[in-house]
């Protein structure tokens, strides 16, 4: 099983203490939600590839090297000398909760077009993954929709992370419309509690989930609640699994670790998504929650994603 991810690959500029002069010190951590998922899948033993664009600059080459080191296929990653690699400035609270501001106007990940190299990597894969950040501006917006349509035509399993970043949108009504359009091609959706309320306002949670299932060809919806755990919703089941209690340092990438682990688990099963039992879904969520928890114990996104051996050790410790 091979999964192809598309979207933003960028640098998370993360707080790293105070200098001897009393100034803030930051660490440049590799990140970008679809890239994080690609690495999460690779670390958990699946084949993964990443398609997208970074600048042909120091940061872009660094990001490519990180994916290569983590055994993610980067043959479809473009290094463009005409646009810089994007930056995400991360702010952390005392509890490790993060918020973002972005330096990506005319960034390489935004100025990307669907091309034959991307098409080739999608053709090679069994599944495709992306999120809403690449929908926030053109030409990446058009590329994302073209890639989703192409992936559906090629009958790939498609996963999508709402991953709403309010600061990237000039008009949130456009964000809602484009996310809804994207969901017409999606099998597995990840959405936070707040994002669900954004997409389906004025509905109770179960009503909102049922509405999404009715309006789109979704087979599985994952809902994340942070410290309260997560839930999975299908046409037959609605299951909640509590989170692991850990002392979080940085929650950046935790949702991607969670989603990557769930995708690794569901794609590793022999039966189709339409016939998953309650116990199988609980196990998938339990392991995904564990990966999300592990990712909060280190700073940064990609550097905090667990290997399969780390996951198994964590589960043994918390059994």
Foldseek 3Di string as FASTA:
>chain_A
DEEEEEFAWAWEFAFDDADPVRHTHTDTFIDDLRLLLQLLLLLAPHAYEYAAEAALDPRRVVSVVLCVVSRHHDQRYYHHPVAHGKYWYWDADPQQEIATDIDADRGRRAADADDPSNVVVLLPGQAYEYELLLCLHPPSVVRVLVVLVSSVVSVHAYEYEPPDRPNSHPDVVVSLVSVLVSQQRHAEYEYEPVRLCSNPPPDDPVVSVVVSVVSHVYAKYKYQHVQQAIWIDGPVDIDGDGADDDRFNHQVQLVSLLVSQLVSLQVPDDDHSNDDDPVSRRVSRHLSSLQSRQLRRDDHHNVRGHRSVVSVVSVVVVD
